[in-house]
C-alpha atoms as a PDB file:
ATOM      1  CA  UNK A   1       8.394 -26.660 -15.307  1.00  0.00           C
ATOM      2  CA  UNK A   2       4.962 -25.363 -14.621  1.00  0.00           C
ATOM      3  CA  UNK A   3       3.121 -23.705 -17.557  1.00  0.00           C
ATOM      4  CA  UNK A   4       3.137 -19.815 -17.125  1.00  0.00           C
ATOM      5  CA  UNK A   5      -0.551 -18.545 -16.446  1.00  0.00           C
ATOM      6  CA  UNK A   6      -2.150 -16.041 -18.723  1.00  0.00           C
ATOM      7  CA  UNK A   7      -2.720 -12.997 -16.769  1.00  0.00           C
ATOM      8  CA  UNK A   8      -5.048 -11.091 -19.280  1.00  0.00           C
ATOM      9  CA  UNK A   9      -6.722 -11.800 -22.263  1.00  0.00           C
ATOM     10  CA  UNK A  10      -6.595  -9.363 -25.090  1.00  0.00           C
ATOM     11  CA  UNK A  11      -9.804  -7.201 -26.151  1.00  0.00           C
ATOM     12  CA  UNK A  12     -11.026  -6.641 -29.952  1.00  0.00           C
ATOM     13  CA  UNK A  13      -9.600  -3.499 -29.825  1.00  0.00           C
ATOM     14  CA  UNK A  14      -6.152  -4.325 -28.416  1.00  0.00           C
ATOM     15  CA  UNK A  15      -5.752  -7.255 -30.570  1.00  0.00           C
ATOM     16  CA  UNK A  16      -6.299  -4.455 -33.823  1.00  0.00           C
ATOM     17  CA  UNK A  17      -3.537  -2.554 -32.265  1.00  0.00           C
ATOM     18  CA  UNK A  18      -0.985  -5.072 -31.960  1.00  0.00           C
ATOM     19  CA  UNK A  19      -2.049  -6.116 -35.716  1.00  0.00           C
ATOM     20  CA  UNK A  20      -1.511  -2.758 -36.647  1.00  0.00           C
ATOM     21  CA  UNK A  21       2.041  -3.056 -35.226  1.00  0.00           C
ATOM     22  CA  UNK A  22       2.904  -5.809 -37.565  1.00  0.00           C
ATOM     23  CA  UNK A  23       1.584  -4.463 -40.758  1.00  0.00           C
ATOM     24  CA  UNK A  24       2.869  -0.947 -40.016  1.00  0.00           C
ATOM     25  CA  UNK A  25       6.663  -2.207 -39.396  1.00  0.00           C
ATOM     26  CA  UNK A  26       6.221  -4.298 -42.632  1.00  0.00           C
ATOM     27  CA  UNK A  27       5.048  -1.506 -44.736  1.00  0.00           C
ATOM     28  CA  UNK A  28       7.846   0.723 -43.246  1.00  0.00           C
ATOM     29  CA  UNK A  29      10.665  -1.932 -43.675  1.00  0.00           C
ATOM     30  CA  UNK A  30      11.399  -2.176 -40.257  1.00  0.00           C
ATOM     31  CA  UNK A  31      11.638  -4.728 -37.639  1.00  0.00           C
ATOM     32  CA  UNK A  32       8.541  -4.678 -35.004  1.00  0.00           C
ATOM     33  CA  UNK A  33      11.249  -3.952 -31.968  1.00  0.00           C
ATOM     34  CA  UNK A  34      12.167  -0.854 -34.173  1.00  0.00           C
ATOM     35  CA  UNK A  35       8.772   0.160 -34.502  1.00  0.00           C
ATOM     36  CA  UNK A  36       8.309  -0.358 -30.579  1.00  0.00           C
ATOM     37  CA  UNK A  37      11.135   2.013 -29.721  1.00  0.00           C
ATOM     38  CA  UNK A  38       9.297   4.775 -32.094  1.00  0.00           C
ATOM     39  CA  UNK A  39       6.042   4.051 -29.987  1.00  0.00           C
ATOM     40  CA  UNK A  40       7.825   4.120 -26.643  1.00  0.00           C
ATOM     41  CA  UNK A  41       7.370   0.451 -25.473  1.00  0.00           C
ATOM     42  CA  UNK A  42       9.953  -2.384 -25.363  1.00  0.00           C
ATOM     43  CA  UNK A  43      10.056  -5.288 -27.661  1.00  0.00           C
ATOM     44  CA  UNK A  44       9.903  -7.583 -25.004  1.00  0.00           C
ATOM     45  CA  UNK A  45       6.831  -6.239 -23.623  1.00  0.00           C
ATOM     46  CA  UNK A  46       4.977  -6.378 -26.617  1.00  0.00           C
ATOM     47  CA  UNK A  47       6.098 -10.170 -26.757  1.00  0.00           C
ATOM     48  CA  UNK A  48       4.502 -10.175 -23.407  1.00  0.00           C
ATOM     49  CA  UNK A  49       1.620  -8.708 -23.954  1.00  0.00           C
ATOM     50  CA  UNK A  50       0.752 -10.887 -27.127  1.00  0.00           C
ATOM     51  CA  UNK A  51       1.504 -14.196 -24.904  1.00  0.00           C
ATOM     52  CA  UNK A  52      -1.006 -12.681 -22.056  1.00  0.00           C
ATOM     53  CA  UNK A  53       1.925 -12.709 -19.726  1.00  0.00           C
ATOM     54  CA  UNK A  54       2.971  -9.246 -19.228  1.00  0.00           C
ATOM     55  CA  UNK A  55       2.788  -8.490 -15.496  1.00  0.00           C
ATOM     56  CA  UNK A  56       3.101  -4.509 -15.838  1.00  0.00           C
ATOM     57  CA  UNK A  57       0.676  -1.749 -16.525  1.00  0.00           C
ATOM     58  CA  UNK A  58      -1.280  -2.909 -19.571  1.00  0.00           C
ATOM     59  CA  UNK A  59      -3.553   0.002 -19.917  1.00  0.00           C
ATOM     60  CA  UNK A  60      -0.365   2.205 -19.895  1.00  0.00           C
ATOM     61  CA  UNK A  61       1.486   0.542 -22.623  1.00  0.00           C
ATOM     62  CA  UNK A  62      -1.906   0.268 -24.814  1.00  0.00           C
ATOM     63  CA  UNK A  63      -2.379   3.936 -24.313  1.00  0.00           C
ATOM     64  CA  UNK A  64       1.279   4.544 -25.987  1.00  0.00           C
ATOM     65  CA  UNK A  65       0.268   2.274 -29.092  1.00  0.00           C
ATOM     66  CA  UNK A  66      -3.338   4.087 -29.427  1.00  0.00           C
ATOM     67  CA  UNK A  67      -1.850   7.481 -28.905  1.00  0.00           C
ATOM     68  CA  UNK A  68       0.863   6.622 -31.535  1.00  0.00           C
ATOM     69  CA  UNK A  69      -1.239   5.391 -34.262  1.00  0.00           C
ATOM     70  CA  UNK A  70      -3.900   8.221 -33.425  1.00  0.00           C
ATOM     71  CA  UNK A  71      -1.310  10.712 -34.009  1.00  0.00           C
ATOM     72  CA  UNK A  72       0.101   9.280 -37.016  1.00  0.00           C
ATOM     73  CA  UNK A  73      -3.487   9.078 -38.638  1.00  0.00           C
ATOM     74  CA  UNK A  74      -3.979  12.680 -38.001  1.00  0.00           C
ATOM     75  CA  UNK A  75      -0.808  13.701 -39.368  1.00  0.00           C
ATOM     76  CA  UNK A  76      -1.735  11.827 -42.467  1.00  0.00           C
ATOM     77  CA  UNK A  77      -4.527  14.436 -43.066  1.00  0.00           C
ATOM     78  CA  UNK A  78      -2.195  17.476 -42.926  1.00  0.00           C
ATOM     79  CA  UNK A  79      -0.453  18.787 -45.785  1.00  0.00           C
ATOM     80  CA  UNK A  80       2.340  16.158 -47.069  1.00  0.00           C
ATOM     81  CA  UNK A  81       5.458  17.705 -48.733  1.00  0.00           C
ATOM     82  CA  UNK A  82       7.003  16.702 -51.729  1.00  0.00           C
ATOM     83  CA  UNK A  83       9.673  14.169 -50.339  1.00  0.00           C
ATOM     84  CA  UNK A  84      12.235  15.141 -52.777  1.00  0.00           C
ATOM     85  CA  UNK A  85      12.181  17.025 -55.912  1.00  0.00           C
ATOM     86  CA  UNK A  86      15.235  17.288 -58.467  1.00  0.00           C
ATOM     87  CA  UNK A  87      15.457  21.277 -58.079  1.00  0.00           C
ATOM     88  CA  UNK A  88      18.444  23.281 -59.630  1.00  0.00           C
ATOM     89  CA  UNK A  89      19.730  23.411 -55.812  1.00  0.00           C
ATOM     90  CA  UNK A  90      19.300  19.561 -54.722  1.00  0.00           C
ATOM     91  CA  UNK A  91      20.717  18.613 -58.276  1.00  0.00           C
ATOM     92  CA  UNK A  92      23.860  20.466 -57.810  1.00  0.00           C
ATOM     93  CA  UNK A  93      24.227  19.480 -54.267  1.00  0.00           C
ATOM     94  CA  UNK A  94      23.558  15.803 -55.638  1.00  0.00           C
ATOM     95  CA  UNK A  95      25.913  16.028 -58.200  1.00  0.00           C
ATOM     96  CA  UNK A  96      28.736  17.612 -55.966  1.00  0.00           C
ATOM     97  CA  UNK A  97      28.666  14.363 -53.518  1.00  0.00           C
ATOM     98  CA  UNK A  98      28.494  12.131 -56.889  1.00  0.00           C
ATOM     99  CA  UNK A  99      31.917  13.760 -58.315  1.00  0.00           C
ATOM    100  CA  UNK A 100      33.339  13.900 -54.643  1.00  0.00           C
ATOM    101  CA  UNK A 101      33.081  10.134 -54.173  1.00  0.00           C
ATOM    102  CA  UNK A 102      34.319   9.417 -57.673  1.00  0.00           C
ATOM    103  CA  UNK A 103      37.533  11.730 -57.323  1.00  0.00           C
ATOM    104  CA  UNK A 104      37.942  11.377 -53.545  1.00  0.00           C
ATOM    105  CA  UNK A 105      39.105  14.228 -51.445  1.00  0.00           C
ATOM    106  CA  UNK A 106      36.966  17.093 -50.084  1.00  0.00           C
ATOM    107  CA  UNK A 107      34.288  19.499 -51.176  1.00  0.00           C
ATOM    108  CA  UNK A 108      32.250  22.344 -49.425  1.00  0.00           C
ATOM    109  CA  UNK A 109      28.764  23.167 -50.214  1.00  0.00           C
ATOM    110  CA  UNK A 110      27.734  26.212 -48.167  1.00  0.00           C
ATOM    111  CA  UNK A 111      25.152  28.650 -48.323  1.00  0.00           C
ATOM    112  CA  UNK A 112      21.854  29.949 -46.978  1.00  0.00           C
ATOM    113  CA  UNK A 113      19.706  27.623 -44.758  1.00  0.00           C
ATOM    114  CA  UNK A 114      16.269  26.113 -46.378  1.00  0.00           C
ATOM    115  CA  UNK A 115      17.443  25.514 -49.744  1.00  0.00           C
ATOM    116  CA  UNK A 116      17.290  21.804 -50.206  1.00  0.00           C
ATOM    117  CA  UNK A 117      20.889  21.052 -49.236  1.00  0.00           C
ATOM    118  CA  UNK A 118      19.791  18.481 -46.447  1.00  0.00           C
ATOM    119  CA  UNK A 119      17.235  16.730 -48.671  1.00  0.00           C
ATOM    120  CA  UNK A 120      19.722  16.331 -51.458  1.00  0.00           C
ATOM    121  CA  UNK A 121      22.269  14.302 -49.118  1.00  0.00           C
ATOM    122  CA  UNK A 122      19.163  12.014 -47.708  1.00  0.00           C
ATOM    123  CA  UNK A 123      18.373  11.242 -51.263  1.00  0.00           C
ATOM    124  CA  UNK A 124      22.295  10.788 -52.207  1.00  0.00           C
ATOM    125  CA  UNK A 125      22.873   8.493 -49.238  1.00  0.00           C
ATOM    126  CA  UNK A 126      19.215   6.419 -50.295  1.00  0.00           C
ATOM    127  CA  UNK A 127      20.364   5.857 -53.744  1.00  0.00           C
ATOM    128  CA  UNK A 128      23.840   4.771 -52.616  1.00  0.00           C
ATOM    129  CA  UNK A 129      23.573   2.672 -49.344  1.00  0.00           C
ATOM    130  CA  UNK A 130      26.409   0.556 -49.653  1.00  0.00           C
ATOM    131  CA  UNK A 131      29.111   3.193 -50.425  1.00  0.00           C
ATOM    132  CA  UNK A 132      28.203   6.067 -48.775  1.00  0.00           C
ATOM    133  CA  UNK A 133      27.526   7.409 -45.347  1.00  0.00           C
ATOM    134  CA  UNK A 134      26.047  10.635 -43.459  1.00  0.00           C
ATOM    135  CA  UNK A 135      26.479  12.344 -40.329  1.00  0.00           C
ATOM    136  CA  UNK A 136      24.592  15.521 -38.738  1.00  0.00           C
ATOM    137  CA  UNK A 137      26.679  17.260 -36.425  1.00  0.00           C
ATOM    138  CA  UNK A 138      25.056  19.259 -33.662  1.00  0.00           C
ATOM    139  CA  UNK A 139      26.300  21.556 -30.814  1.00  0.00           C
ATOM    140  CA  UNK A 140      26.727  18.531 -28.589  1.00  0.00           C
ATOM    141  CA  UNK A 141      28.497  16.279 -31.242  1.00  0.00           C
ATOM    142  CA  UNK A 142      30.972  18.604 -32.875  1.00  0.00           C
ATOM    143  CA  UNK A 143      34.254  17.385 -31.194  1.00  0.00           C
ATOM    144  CA  UNK A 144      36.474  14.743 -32.630  1.00  0.00           C
ATOM    145  CA  UNK A 145      35.494  11.968 -30.283  1.00  0.00           C
ATOM    146  CA  UNK A 146      31.983  12.595 -30.947  1.00  0.00           C
ATOM    147  CA  UNK A 147      32.171  12.834 -34.750  1.00  0.00           C
ATOM    148  CA  UNK A 148      34.483   9.315 -34.481  1.00  0.00           C
ATOM    149  CA  UNK A 149      31.236   8.229 -32.363  1.00  0.00           C
ATOM    150  CA  UNK A 150      28.810   9.363 -35.254  1.00  0.00           C
ATOM    151  CA  UNK A 151      30.572   7.530 -37.766  1.00  0.00           C
ATOM    152  CA  UNK A 152      30.702   4.458 -35.397  1.00  0.00           C
ATOM    153  CA  UNK A 153      27.299   4.322 -35.454  1.00  0.00           C
ATOM    154  CA  UNK A 154      26.805   4.921 -38.971  1.00  0.00           C
ATOM    155  CA  UNK A 155      29.347   2.091 -40.180  1.00  0.00           C
ATOM    156  CA  UNK A 156      28.083  -0.364 -37.279  1.00  0.00           C
ATOM    157  CA  UNK A 157      31.111   0.147 -35.266  1.00  0.00           C
ATOM    158  CA  UNK A 158      31.190  -0.565 -31.516  1.00  0.00           C
ATOM    159  CA  UNK A 159      31.919   3.190 -29.992  1.00  0.00           C
ATOM    160  CA  UNK A 160      33.306   2.241 -26.551  1.00  0.00           C
ATOM    161  CA  UNK A 161      36.651   2.330 -27.715  1.00  0.00           C
ATOM    162  CA  UNK A 162      39.685   4.813 -27.218  1.00  0.00           C
ATOM    163  CA  UNK A 163      40.189   7.517 -29.651  1.00  0.00           C
ATOM    164  CA  UNK A 164      42.758   5.815 -31.593  1.00  0.00           C
ATOM    165  CA  UNK A 165      41.044   2.508 -31.729  1.00  0.00           C
ATOM    166  CA  UNK A 166      38.054   3.937 -32.899  1.00  0.00           C
ATOM    167  CA  UNK A 167      39.835   5.729 -35.800  1.00  0.00           C
ATOM    168  CA  UNK A 168      41.254   2.940 -36.999  1.00  0.00           C
ATOM    169  CA  UNK A 169      38.342   0.882 -36.390  1.00  0.00           C
ATOM    170  CA  UNK A 170      36.074   3.403 -38.763  1.00  0.00           C
ATOM    171  CA  UNK A 171      39.358   3.442 -41.474  1.00  0.00           C
ATOM    172  CA  UNK A 172      39.158  -0.727 -41.583  1.00  0.00           C
ATOM    173  CA  UNK A 173      35.213  -0.353 -42.369  1.00  0.00           C
ATOM    174  CA  UNK A 174      35.396   2.340 -44.520  1.00  0.00           C
ATOM    175  CA  UNK A 175      36.590   1.041 -48.148  1.00  0.00           C
ATOM    176  CA  UNK A 176      37.635   2.451 -51.608  1.00  0.00           C
ATOM    177  CA  UNK A 177      35.171   4.470 -53.272  1.00  0.00           C
ATOM    178  CA  UNK A 178      33.008   5.587 -50.486  1.00  0.00           C
ATOM    179  CA  UNK A 179      31.973   9.044 -49.433  1.00  0.00           C
ATOM    180  CA  UNK A 180      31.106  10.493 -46.211  1.00  0.00           C
ATOM    181  CA  UNK A 181      28.711  13.503 -46.222  1.00  0.00           C
ATOM    182  CA  UNK A 182      28.605  16.016 -42.815  1.00  0.00           C
ATOM    183  CA  UNK A 183      25.649  18.139 -42.678  1.00  0.00           C
ATOM    184  CA  UNK A 184      25.614  21.013 -40.204  1.00  0.00           C
ATOM    185  CA  UNK A 185      29.572  20.921 -40.753  1.00  0.00           C
ATOM    186  CA  UNK A 186      29.920  24.533 -39.757  1.00  0.00           C
ATOM    187  CA  UNK A 187      29.592  23.222 -36.466  1.00  0.00           C
ATOM    188  CA  UNK A 188      32.824  21.386 -36.472  1.00  0.00           C
ATOM    189  CA  UNK A 189      35.758  22.091 -34.740  1.00  0.00           C
ATOM    190  CA  UNK A 190      39.400  22.568 -36.232  1.00  0.00           C
ATOM    191  CA  UNK A 191      40.085  18.726 -34.617  1.00  0.00           C
ATOM    192  CA  UNK A 192      37.256  16.884 -36.085  1.00  0.00           C
ATOM    193  CA  UNK A 193      37.970  18.614 -39.660  1.00  0.00           C
ATOM    194  CA  UNK A 194      41.485  17.346 -39.680  1.00  0.00           C
ATOM    195  CA  UNK A 195      40.150  14.136 -38.256  1.00  0.00           C
ATOM    196  CA  UNK A 196      37.792  13.858 -41.414  1.00  0.00           C
ATOM    197  CA  UNK A 197      40.634  14.891 -43.585  1.00  0.00           C
ATOM    198  CA  UNK A 198      42.799  11.972 -41.995  1.00  0.00           C
ATOM    199  CA  UNK A 199      40.583   9.500 -43.380  1.00  0.00           C
ATOM    200  CA  UNK A 200      40.760  11.007 -46.854  1.00  0.00           C
ATOM    201  CA  UNK A 201      44.405  11.045 -46.700  1.00  0.00           C
ATOM    202  CA  UNK A 202      44.513   7.339 -45.285  1.00  0.00           C
ATOM    203  CA  UNK A 203      42.758   6.125 -48.410  1.00  0.00           C
ATOM    204  CA  UNK A 204      44.702   8.836 -51.179  1.00  0.00           C
ATOM    205  CA  UNK A 205      48.239   6.939 -49.700  1.00  0.00           C
ATOM    206  CA  UNK A 206      47.068   3.715 -50.568  1.00  0.00           C
ATOM    207  CA  UNK A 207      46.031   5.102 -54.419  1.00  0.00           C
ATOM    208  CA  UNK A 208      42.483   4.921 -53.223  1.00  0.00           C
ATOM    209  CA  UNK A 209      39.696   7.278 -53.060  1.00  0.00           C
ATOM    210  CA  UNK A 210      37.642   8.476 -50.279  1.00  0.00           C
ATOM    211  CA  UNK A 211      35.250  11.377 -50.702  1.00  0.00           C
ATOM    212  CA  UNK A 212      34.359  13.838 -47.818  1.00  0.00           C
ATOM    213  CA  UNK A 213      31.882  16.537 -48.339  1.00  0.00           C
ATOM    214  CA  UNK A 214      31.197  19.358 -45.599  1.00  0.00           C
ATOM    215  CA  UNK A 215      27.891  20.862 -45.902  1.00  0.00           C
ATOM    216  CA  UNK A 216      26.351  23.971 -43.786  1.00  0.00           C
ATOM    217  CA  UNK A 217      25.928  27.439 -43.910  1.00  0.00           C
ATOM    218  CA  UNK A 218      28.454  30.062 -44.450  1.00  0.00           C
ATOM    219  CA  UNK A 219      30.520  29.419 -41.345  1.00  0.00           C
ATOM    220  CA  UNK A 220      32.280  26.417 -43.298  1.00  0.00           C
ATOM    221  CA  UNK A 221      33.726  28.888 -45.615  1.00  0.00           C
ATOM    222  CA  UNK A 222      34.580  31.626 -43.235  1.00  0.00           C
ATOM    223  CA  UNK A 223      36.880  28.811 -41.529  1.00  0.00           C
ATOM    224  CA  UNK A 224      38.312  28.009 -44.766  1.00  0.00           C
ATOM    225  CA  UNK A 225      38.766  31.144 -46.573  1.00  0.00           C
ATOM    226  CA  UNK A 226      38.701  33.457 -43.558  1.00  0.00           C
ATOM    227  CA  UNK A 227      41.192  34.379 -41.150  1.00  0.00           C
ATOM    228  CA  UNK A 228      41.823  31.315 -40.076  1.00  0.00           C
ATOM    229  CA  UNK A 229      42.605  29.870 -43.375  1.00  0.00           C
ATOM    230  CA  UNK A 230      46.092  29.404 -42.781  1.00  0.00           C
ATOM    231  CA  UNK A 231      45.254  26.781 -39.963  1.00  0.00           C
ATOM    232  CA  UNK A 232      42.931  24.862 -42.830  1.00  0.00           C
ATOM    233  CA  UNK A 233      44.928  24.975 -45.613  1.00  0.00           C
ATOM    234  CA  UNK A 234      45.755  21.671 -45.646  1.00  0.00           C
ATOM    235  CA  UNK A 235      42.007  21.107 -46.021  1.00  0.00           C
ATOM    236  CA  UNK A 236      41.582  23.587 -48.698  1.00  0.00           C
ATOM    237  CA  UNK A 237      43.967  22.025 -50.559  1.00  0.00           C
ATOM    238  CA  UNK A 238      42.332  18.880 -51.043  1.00  0.00           C
ATOM    239  CA  UNK A 239      39.096  20.486 -52.004  1.00  0.00           C
ATOM    240  CA  UNK A 240      37.949  19.616 -55.491  1.00  0.00           C
ATOM    241  CA  UNK A 241      34.646  21.841 -55.703  1.00  0.00           C
ATOM    242  CA  UNK A 242      33.735  24.591 -53.619  1.00  0.00           C
ATOM    243  CA  UNK A 243      29.525  25.444 -54.149  1.00  0.00           C
ATOM    244  CA  UNK A 244      28.064  28.867 -53.023  1.00  0.00           C
ATOM    245  CA  UNK A 245      24.312  28.620 -53.158  1.00  0.00           C
ATOM    246  CA  UNK A 246      21.904  31.126 -51.810  1.00  0.00           C
ATOM    247  CA  UNK A 247      17.936  31.738 -52.017  1.00  0.00           C
ATOM    248  CA  UNK A 248      18.377  33.832 -55.159  1.00  0.00           C
ATOM    249  CA  UNK A 249      19.147  30.664 -56.875  1.00  0.00           C
ATOM    250  CA  UNK A 250      15.860  29.033 -56.481  1.00  0.00           C
ATOM    251  CA  UNK A 251      14.377  28.838 -60.017  1.00  0.00           C
ATOM    252  CA  UNK A 252      10.535  29.078 -60.539  1.00  0.00           C
ATOM    253  CA  UNK A 253      10.467  25.525 -62.206  1.00  0.00           C
ATOM    254  CA  UNK A 254      11.695  24.497 -58.779  1.00  0.00           C
ATOM    255  CA  UNK A 255       8.606  25.829 -57.310  1.00  0.00           C
ATOM    256  CA  UNK A 256       6.449  23.725 -59.715  1.00  0.00           C
ATOM    257  CA  UNK A 257       7.900  20.671 -58.619  1.00  0.00           C
ATOM    258  CA  UNK A 258       7.598  21.407 -55.252  1.00  0.00           C
ATOM    259  CA  UNK A 259       3.899  22.117 -55.009  1.00  0.00           C
ATOM    260  CA  UNK A 260       2.286  19.909 -57.568  1.00  0.00           C
ATOM    261  CA  UNK A 261      -1.236  20.454 -56.179  1.00  0.00           C
ATOM    262  CA  UNK A 262      -0.920  24.235 -57.536  1.00  0.00           C
ATOM    263  CA  UNK A 263      -0.374  23.394 -60.786  1.00  0.00           C
ATOM    264  CA  UNK A 264      -1.429  25.951 -63.210  1.00  0.00           C
ATOM    265  CA  UNK A 265      -2.127  28.333 -60.507  1.00  0.00           C
ATOM    266  CA  UNK A 266       0.466  30.880 -61.487  1.00  0.00           C
ATOM    267  CA  UNK A 267      -0.338  33.456 -58.777  1.00  0.00           C
ATOM    268  CA  UNK A 268       0.263  31.242 -56.221  1.00  0.00           C
ATOM    269  CA  UNK A 269       3.189  29.842 -57.539  1.00  0.00           C
ATOM    270  CA  UNK A 270       4.642  32.921 -58.097  1.00  0.00           C
ATOM    271  CA  UNK A 271       4.232  34.181 -54.438  1.00  0.00           C
ATOM    272  CA  UNK A 272       5.819  31.330 -53.239  1.00  0.00           C
ATOM    273  CA  UNK A 273       8.622  31.772 -55.724  1.00  0.00           C
ATOM    274  CA  UNK A 274       8.819  34.871 -54.128  1.00  0.00           C
ATOM    275  CA  UNK A 275       8.916  34.100 -50.574  1.00  0.00           C
ATOM    276  CA  UNK A 276      11.440  31.360 -51.463  1.00  0.00           C
ATOM    277  CA  UNK A 277      14.057  33.688 -52.706  1.00  0.00           C
ATOM    278  CA  UNK A 278      13.723  35.647 -49.358  1.00  0.00           C
ATOM    279  CA  UNK A 279      15.410  34.683 -46.328  1.00  0.00           C
ATOM    280  CA  UNK A 280      12.631  32.210 -45.562  1.00  0.00           C
ATOM    281  CA  UNK A 281      13.993  30.056 -48.489  1.00  0.00           C
ATOM    282  CA  UNK A 282      12.306  27.216 -49.824  1.00  0.00           C
ATOM    283  CA  UNK A 283      11.678  25.795 -46.203  1.00  0.00           C
ATOM    284  CA  UNK A 284       9.815  29.018 -45.367  1.00  0.00           C
ATOM    285  CA  UNK A 285       7.705  28.629 -48.505  1.00  0.00           C
ATOM    286  CA  UNK A 286       6.855  24.891 -47.844  1.00  0.00           C
ATOM    287  CA  UNK A 287       5.770  25.579 -44.443  1.00  0.00           C
ATOM    288  CA  UNK A 288       3.599  28.702 -45.175  1.00  0.00           C
ATOM    289  CA  UNK A 289       1.876  26.693 -48.097  1.00  0.00           C
ATOM    290  CA  UNK A 290       1.669  23.911 -45.610  1.00  0.00           C
ATOM    291  CA  UNK A 291      -0.183  25.900 -42.702  1.00  0.00           C
ATOM    292  CA  UNK A 292      -2.619  27.799 -45.372  1.00  0.00           C
ATOM    293  CA  UNK A 293      -3.411  24.144 -46.779  1.00  0.00           C
ATOM    294  CA  UNK A 294      -4.125  23.058 -43.477  1.00  0.00           C
ATOM    295  CA  UNK A 295      -6.268  25.906 -42.761  1.00  0.00           C
ATOM    296  CA  UNK A 296      -8.114  24.950 -45.920  1.00  0.00           C
ATOM    297  CA  UNK A 297      -7.525  28.554 -47.312  1.00  0.00           C
ATOM    298  CA  UNK A 298      -4.701  28.138 -49.867  1.00  0.00           C
ATOM    299  CA  UNK A 299      -5.614  30.614 -52.678  1.00  0.00           C
ATOM    300  CA  UNK A 300      -3.254  33.722 -53.249  1.00  0.00           C
ATOM    301  CA  UNK A 301      -5.362  35.494 -50.485  1.00  0.00           C
ATOM    302  CA  UNK A 302      -5.229  32.745 -48.108  1.00  0.00           C
ATOM    303  CA  UNK A 303      -1.623  32.190 -48.150  1.00  0.00           C
ATOM    304  CA  UNK A 304      -0.977  36.152 -47.841  1.00  0.00           C
ATOM    305  CA  UNK A 305      -3.087  35.902 -45.050  1.00  0.00           C
ATOM    306  CA  UNK A 306      -1.322  32.898 -43.415  1.00  0.00           C
ATOM    307  CA  UNK A 307       2.148  34.682 -44.083  1.00  0.00           C
ATOM    308  CA  UNK A 308       0.604  37.859 -41.946  1.00  0.00           C
ATOM    309  CA  UNK A 309      -0.441  35.091 -39.285  1.00  0.00           C
ATOM    310  CA  UNK A 310       2.953  33.749 -39.107  1.00  0.00           C
ATOM    311  CA  UNK A 311       4.454  37.121 -38.958  1.00  0.00           C
ATOM    312  CA  UNK A 312       6.502  36.667 -42.257  1.00  0.00           C
ATOM    313  CA  UNK A 313       7.829  39.626 -43.988  1.00  0.00           C
ATOM    314  CA  UNK A 314       7.283  38.978 -47.632  1.00  0.00           C
ATOM    315  CA  UNK A 315       9.515  41.776 -48.536  1.00  0.00           C
ATOM    316  CA  UNK A 316       7.038  43.470 -51.368  1.00  0.00           C
ATOM    317  CA  UNK A 317       6.354  39.874 -52.948  1.00  0.00           C
ATOM    318  CA  UNK A 318       2.756  40.323 -52.404  1.00  0.00           C
ATOM    319  CA  UNK A 319       2.446  43.816 -54.152  1.00  0.00           C
ATOM    320  CA  UNK A 320       4.935  42.127 -57.028  1.00  0.00           C
ATOM    321  CA  UNK A 321       2.628  39.390 -57.934  1.00  0.00           C
ATOM    322  CA  UNK A 322      -0.444  41.580 -57.442  1.00  0.00           C
ATOM    323  CA  UNK A 323       0.948  43.719 -60.125  1.00  0.00           C
END
């Protein structure tokens, strides 16, 4: 068999870009193929380019690689929020997931947006990679079949099965002592919630435990305790905990943990604390400070100016802090 002819030699800049793929994948703890997916090229194209055999548009592939790393470098220069902080709210959510894992059955965590519920879930999954699984619902994945597919993907179960086979494959993959966390659970249909209940019951019938935690906004509570409560009675009866969280639960010490760069700057911390207690929540306070920081103007007056540019209603927070 004739040896394949090299189509093109790599330039020093191109070699550097390919080396960066290798080092970045190692730093992230993922394969080069996974990193290629993020960049927007295929692993096979990368392999052929390295060997000089790629027959496609070289310039197009390298433009994608250059753009990816340029964007990441630019992003690294912007404000980077604290990845996770054990705030009063995130700790409550974390402990709720833990208790549900230990006891089995259901738990509901409902409340205002932007207070740290989702970050607490991600932290829990990170800390318990072998006995926990998390799925996030969106308007396109709220049905029973879609929820089963999300669980299957998270567990490594083939999704191309009938609904009943999919359920049984998932039940076989789950094991005693696991917990399933469902974010944005207010979007779930009655059928999908009942399906999640059926997994918990499956393990309970075998004197084993499987915890299911539904996390989301007030929509969950309205389903379980509102006009449709009779329909959801079977789920409600299996709930160990029902946590209700609001932006008003944010503590001042939480803000200190979330903004270490402001240590000792009480006026700025107090302003962000007041913002976090409004409908903007912690997420809004982080977004506000991040924008002010990136503008290079993040003292008290700079944060106030940025809030006005973002059309945020501080609801008297500025006046209260100045007083």
